[in-house]
Amino acid sequence: MQLNGFTDYALRVLIYAAVHHDQRCLTSQVARAFGLSRHHVVKVVNELQHLGYLETTRGRTGGFRLARTPESIRVGEVIRRTEGSLAVVECFDRATNTCPLTRACGLKGALAEAFDAFFAVLDRYTLADLIAEPRWVTRVATLLPRVSHATA
């Protein structure tokens, strides 16, 4: 399964905020650190705030920070809430399914089992687990600005 770009960016923003827990983060900092468009980062931060993962402050001294502890943010939950459609194959979505094999196909069951296993693993990890190693925290905290995909 491949995660969409929005989910990837959402996880990066949360990791960045968890590492920089002692300060307000700026969308421009995150955009530079990961080489992303600031516009995309703003959209991600907005959605993460709406979902209750971040608290934001507007204005000159504004920015964002985690609204919850890293230990309370499960990776699987973030992915489910940011990924959009989780229909791996057409038959997972009854509203749009046109596959004539659906009623007699064993593939759907096997894929559903694999999908459940995928999330069972991700549900075991929290944001705190993703930054548990001091070297990981150091790496994120010292990210150098990268060339933006939008300008490259």
C-alpha atoms as a PDB file:
ATOM      1  CA  MET A   1       0.000   0.000   0.000  1.00  0.00           C
ATOM      2  CA  GLN A   2       1.290   3.440  -0.873  1.00  0.00           C
ATOM      3  CA  LEU A   3       0.320   6.423   1.256  1.00  0.00           C
ATOM      4  CA  ASN A   4      -0.700   9.600  -0.502  1.00  0.00           C
ATOM      5  CA  GLY A   5       1.460  12.704  -0.296  1.00  0.00           C
ATOM      6  CA  PHE A   6      -0.885  14.446   2.126  1.00  0.00           C
ATOM      7  CA  THR A   7      -0.561  11.629   4.665  1.00  0.00           C
ATOM      8  CA  ASP A   8       3.208  11.529   4.205  1.00  0.00           C
ATOM      9  CA  TYR A   9       3.421  15.270   4.847  1.00  0.00           C
ATOM     10  CA  ALA A  10       1.059  14.996   7.829  1.00  0.00           C
ATOM     11  CA  LEU A  11       3.324  12.419   9.466  1.00  0.00           C
ATOM     12  CA  ARG A  12       6.386  14.588   8.782  1.00  0.00           C
ATOM     13  CA  VAL A  13       4.697  17.661  10.313  1.00  0.00           C
ATOM     14  CA  LEU A  14       3.725  15.685  13.426  1.00  0.00           C
ATOM     15  CA  ILE A  15       7.240  14.271  13.808  1.00  0.00           C
ATOM     16  CA  TYR A  16       8.714  17.753  13.384  1.00  0.00           C
ATOM     17  CA  ALA A  17       6.323  19.189  15.991  1.00  0.00           C
ATOM     18  CA  ALA A  18       7.074  16.348  18.417  1.00  0.00           C
ATOM     19  CA  VAL A  19      10.818  16.905  18.127  1.00  0.00           C
ATOM     20  CA  HIS A  20      10.398  20.673  18.559  1.00  0.00           C
ATOM     21  CA  HIS A  21       7.908  20.303  21.426  1.00  0.00           C
ATOM     22  CA  ASP A  22       9.495  23.142  23.384  1.00  0.00           C
ATOM     23  CA  GLN A  23       8.743  25.798  20.756  1.00  0.00           C
ATOM     24  CA  ARG A  24       6.162  26.927  18.249  1.00  0.00           C
ATOM     25  CA  CYS A  25       6.894  25.591  14.787  1.00  0.00           C
ATOM     26  CA  LEU A  26       6.434  27.614  11.625  1.00  0.00           C
ATOM     27  CA  THR A  27       5.111  26.284   8.341  1.00  0.00           C
ATOM     28  CA  SER A  28       8.006  27.988   6.560  1.00  0.00           C
ATOM     29  CA  GLN A  29      10.493  26.074   8.746  1.00  0.00           C
ATOM     30  CA  VAL A  30       8.837  22.743   7.961  1.00  0.00           C
ATOM     31  CA  ALA A  31       8.643  23.558   4.255  1.00  0.00           C
ATOM     32  CA  ARG A  32      12.352  24.393   4.158  1.00  0.00           C
ATOM     33  CA  ALA A  33      13.389  21.404   6.287  1.00  0.00           C
ATOM     34  CA  PHE A  34      11.577  18.887   4.079  1.00  0.00           C
ATOM     35  CA  GLY A  35      11.865  20.681   0.740  1.00  0.00           C
ATOM     36  CA  LEU A  36       8.089  21.047   0.448  1.00  0.00           C
ATOM     37  CA  SER A  37       5.858  23.794  -0.820  1.00  0.00           C
ATOM     38  CA  ARG A  38       4.823  26.083   2.050  1.00  0.00           C
ATOM     39  CA  HIS A  39       1.319  26.089   0.571  1.00  0.00           C
ATOM     40  CA  HIS A  40       1.110  22.285   1.000  1.00  0.00           C
ATOM     41  CA  VAL A  41       2.436  22.485   4.545  1.00  0.00           C
ATOM     42  CA  VAL A  42      -0.159  25.140   5.427  1.00  0.00           C
ATOM     43  CA  LYS A  43      -2.940  22.851   4.147  1.00  0.00           C
ATOM     44  CA  VAL A  44      -1.578  19.909   6.138  1.00  0.00           C
ATOM     45  CA  VAL A  45      -1.206  21.953   9.341  1.00  0.00           C
ATOM     46  CA  ASN A  46      -4.742  23.273   8.872  1.00  0.00           C
ATOM     47  CA  GLU A  47      -6.149  19.742   8.575  1.00  0.00           C
ATOM     48  CA  LEU A  48      -4.105  18.425  11.502  1.00  0.00           C
ATOM     49  CA  GLN A  49      -5.414  21.310  13.599  1.00  0.00           C
ATOM     50  CA  HIS A  50      -8.960  20.500  12.508  1.00  0.00           C
ATOM     51  CA  LEU A  51      -8.411  16.838  13.459  1.00  0.00           C
ATOM     52  CA  GLY A  52      -7.157  17.852  16.924  1.00  0.00           C
ATOM     53  CA  TYR A  53      -3.496  16.887  16.528  1.00  0.00           C
ATOM     54  CA  LEU A  54      -2.115  20.435  16.424  1.00  0.00           C
ATOM     55  CA  GLU A  55      -2.946  23.723  18.060  1.00  0.00           C
ATOM     56  CA  THR A  56      -2.242  26.794  15.998  1.00  0.00           C
ATOM     57  CA  THR A  57      -1.767  30.446  16.758  1.00  0.00           C
ATOM     58  CA  ARG A  58      -2.054  33.126  14.098  1.00  0.00           C
ATOM     59  CA  GLY A  59      -0.120  36.317  13.868  1.00  0.00           C
ATOM     60  CA  ARG A  60       3.404  37.544  14.247  1.00  0.00           C
ATOM     61  CA  THR A  61       4.208  35.249  17.178  1.00  0.00           C
ATOM     62  CA  GLY A  62       2.098  32.431  15.795  1.00  0.00           C
ATOM     63  CA  GLY A  63       2.896  28.931  14.740  1.00  0.00           C
ATOM     64  CA  PHE A  64       1.819  25.460  15.706  1.00  0.00           C
ATOM     65  CA  ARG A  65       2.573  22.762  18.236  1.00  0.00           C
ATOM     66  CA  LEU A  66       1.162  19.398  19.204  1.00  0.00           C
ATOM     67  CA  ALA A  67      -2.262  19.578  20.834  1.00  0.00           C
ATOM     68  CA  ARG A  68      -1.823  16.106  22.329  1.00  0.00           C
ATOM     69  CA  THR A  69       1.096  14.226  23.816  1.00  0.00           C
ATOM     70  CA  PRO A  70       3.179  12.195  21.356  1.00  0.00           C
ATOM     71  CA  GLU A  71       2.288   9.070  23.350  1.00  0.00           C
ATOM     72  CA  SER A  72      -1.406   9.586  22.606  1.00  0.00           C
ATOM     73  CA  ILE A  73      -1.075   9.916  18.824  1.00  0.00           C
ATOM     74  CA  ARG A  74      -1.225   6.526  17.094  1.00  0.00           C
ATOM     75  CA  VAL A  75       0.317   6.271  13.629  1.00  0.00           C
ATOM     76  CA  GLY A  76      -2.501   4.067  12.306  1.00  0.00           C
ATOM     77  CA  GLU A  77      -5.103   6.575  13.473  1.00  0.00           C
ATOM     78  CA  VAL A  78      -3.338   9.462  11.725  1.00  0.00           C
ATOM     79  CA  ILE A  79      -3.151   7.487   8.493  1.00  0.00           C
ATOM     80  CA  ARG A  80      -6.825   6.470   8.631  1.00  0.00           C
ATOM     81  CA  ARG A  81      -7.865  10.089   9.237  1.00  0.00           C
ATOM     82  CA  THR A  82      -5.651  11.719   6.589  1.00  0.00           C
ATOM     83  CA  GLU A  83      -5.474   9.144   3.816  1.00  0.00           C
ATOM     84  CA  GLY A  84      -8.939   9.621   2.333  1.00  0.00           C
ATOM     85  CA  SER A  85     -10.233   6.533   0.605  1.00  0.00           C
ATOM     86  CA  LEU A  86      -8.733   3.381   2.006  1.00  0.00           C
ATOM     87  CA  ALA A  87     -10.237   1.197  -0.708  1.00  0.00           C
ATOM     88  CA  VAL A  88      -7.263  -0.887  -1.809  1.00  0.00           C
ATOM     89  CA  VAL A  89      -9.294  -2.364  -4.640  1.00  0.00           C
ATOM     90  CA  GLU A  90     -12.598  -1.377  -6.213  1.00  0.00           C
ATOM     91  CA  CYS A  91     -14.667  -4.007  -4.399  1.00  0.00           C
ATOM     92  CA  PHE A  92     -13.814  -2.465  -0.999  1.00  0.00           C
ATOM     93  CA  ASP A  93     -16.152   0.424  -1.827  1.00  0.00           C
ATOM     94  CA  ARG A  94     -19.707  -0.839  -2.321  1.00  0.00           C
ATOM     95  CA  ALA A  95     -20.847   2.476  -3.762  1.00  0.00           C
ATOM     96  CA  THR A  96     -18.462   2.343  -6.728  1.00  0.00           C
ATOM     97  CA  ASN A  97     -17.872  -1.395  -7.094  1.00  0.00           C
ATOM     98  CA  THR A  98     -18.550  -2.771 -10.579  1.00  0.00           C
ATOM     99  CA  CYS A  99     -16.431  -5.938 -10.393  1.00  0.00           C
ATOM    100  CA  PRO A 100     -18.489  -8.982 -11.448  1.00  0.00           C
ATOM    101  CA  LEU A 101     -16.288 -11.293  -9.342  1.00  0.00           C
ATOM    102  CA  THR A 102     -17.109  -9.724  -5.985  1.00  0.00           C
ATOM    103  CA  ARG A 103     -19.576 -12.342  -4.793  1.00  0.00           C
ATOM    104  CA  ALA A 104     -17.315 -15.291  -5.715  1.00  0.00           C
ATOM    105  CA  CYS A 105     -13.815 -13.857  -5.237  1.00  0.00           C
ATOM    106  CA  GLY A 106     -11.375 -14.926  -2.547  1.00  0.00           C
ATOM    107  CA  LEU A 107      -9.027 -12.048  -3.283  1.00  0.00           C
ATOM    108  CA  LYS A 108     -11.156  -9.527  -1.387  1.00  0.00           C
ATOM    109  CA  GLY A 109     -10.882 -11.557   1.822  1.00  0.00           C
ATOM    110  CA  ALA A 110      -7.126 -11.982   1.482  1.00  0.00           C
ATOM    111  CA  LEU A 111      -6.638  -8.276   0.798  1.00  0.00           C
ATOM    112  CA  ALA A 112      -8.887  -7.329   3.718  1.00  0.00           C
ATOM    113  CA  GLU A 113      -6.825  -9.552   6.018  1.00  0.00           C
ATOM    114  CA  ALA A 114      -3.581  -7.985   4.782  1.00  0.00           C
ATOM    115  CA  PHE A 115      -5.063  -4.504   5.150  1.00  0.00           C
ATOM    116  CA  ASP A 116      -6.126  -5.270   8.734  1.00  0.00           C
ATOM    117  CA  ALA A 117      -2.629  -6.584   9.517  1.00  0.00           C
ATOM    118  CA  PHE A 118      -1.078  -3.418   8.044  1.00  0.00           C
ATOM    119  CA  PHE A 119      -3.092  -1.239  10.422  1.00  0.00           C
ATOM    120  CA  ALA A 120      -2.661  -3.601  13.371  1.00  0.00           C
ATOM    121  CA  VAL A 121       1.081  -2.987  13.147  1.00  0.00           C
ATOM    122  CA  LEU A 122       0.739   0.788  12.688  1.00  0.00           C
ATOM    123  CA  ASP A 123      -1.706   0.993  15.604  1.00  0.00           C
ATOM    124  CA  ARG A 124       1.028  -0.354  17.900  1.00  0.00           C
ATOM    125  CA  TYR A 125       3.200   2.718  17.212  1.00  0.00           C
ATOM    126  CA  THR A 126       2.759   6.211  18.560  1.00  0.00           C
ATOM    127  CA  LEU A 127       4.372   9.468  17.556  1.00  0.00           C
ATOM    128  CA  ALA A 128       6.574   9.074  20.646  1.00  0.00           C
ATOM    129  CA  ASP A 129       7.868   5.762  19.252  1.00  0.00           C
ATOM    130  CA  LEU A 130       8.843   7.478  16.001  1.00  0.00           C
ATOM    131  CA  ILE A 131      11.188   9.825  17.859  1.00  0.00           C
ATOM    132  CA  ALA A 132      12.286   7.431  20.617  1.00  0.00           C
ATOM    133  CA  GLU A 133      15.908   7.171  19.498  1.00  0.00           C
ATOM    134  CA  PRO A 134      18.044  10.199  20.423  1.00  0.00           C
ATOM    135  CA  ARG A 135      19.757  10.027  17.031  1.00  0.00           C
ATOM    136  CA  TRP A 136      16.354  10.349  15.301  1.00  0.00           C
ATOM    137  CA  VAL A 137      15.500  13.426  17.352  1.00  0.00           C
ATOM    138  CA  THR A 138      18.893  14.931  16.569  1.00  0.00           C
ATOM    139  CA  ARG A 139      18.473  14.220  12.855  1.00  0.00           C
ATOM    140  CA  VAL A 140      15.047  15.893  12.692  1.00  0.00           C
ATOM    141  CA  ALA A 141      16.129  18.799  14.897  1.00  0.00           C
ATOM    142  CA  THR A 142      19.103  19.545  12.656  1.00  0.00           C
ATOM    143  CA  LEU A 143      17.490  19.207   9.233  1.00  0.00           C
ATOM    144  CA  LEU A 144      19.012  21.608   6.759  1.00  0.00           C
ATOM    145  CA  PRO A 145      16.834  23.434   4.247  1.00  0.00           C
ATOM    146  CA  ARG A 146      16.182  21.368   1.140  1.00  0.00           C
ATOM    147  CA  VAL A 147      15.275  22.463  -2.377  1.00  0.00           C
ATOM    148  CA  SER A 148      11.489  22.653  -2.628  1.00  0.00           C
ATOM    149  CA  HIS A 149       9.747  20.306  -5.057  1.00  0.00           C
ATOM    150  CA  ALA A 150       7.680  23.317  -6.078  1.00  0.00           C
ATOM    151  CA  THR A 151      10.750  25.273  -7.203  1.00  0.00           C
ATOM    152  CA  ALA A 152      12.939  22.390  -8.369  1.00  0.00           C
END
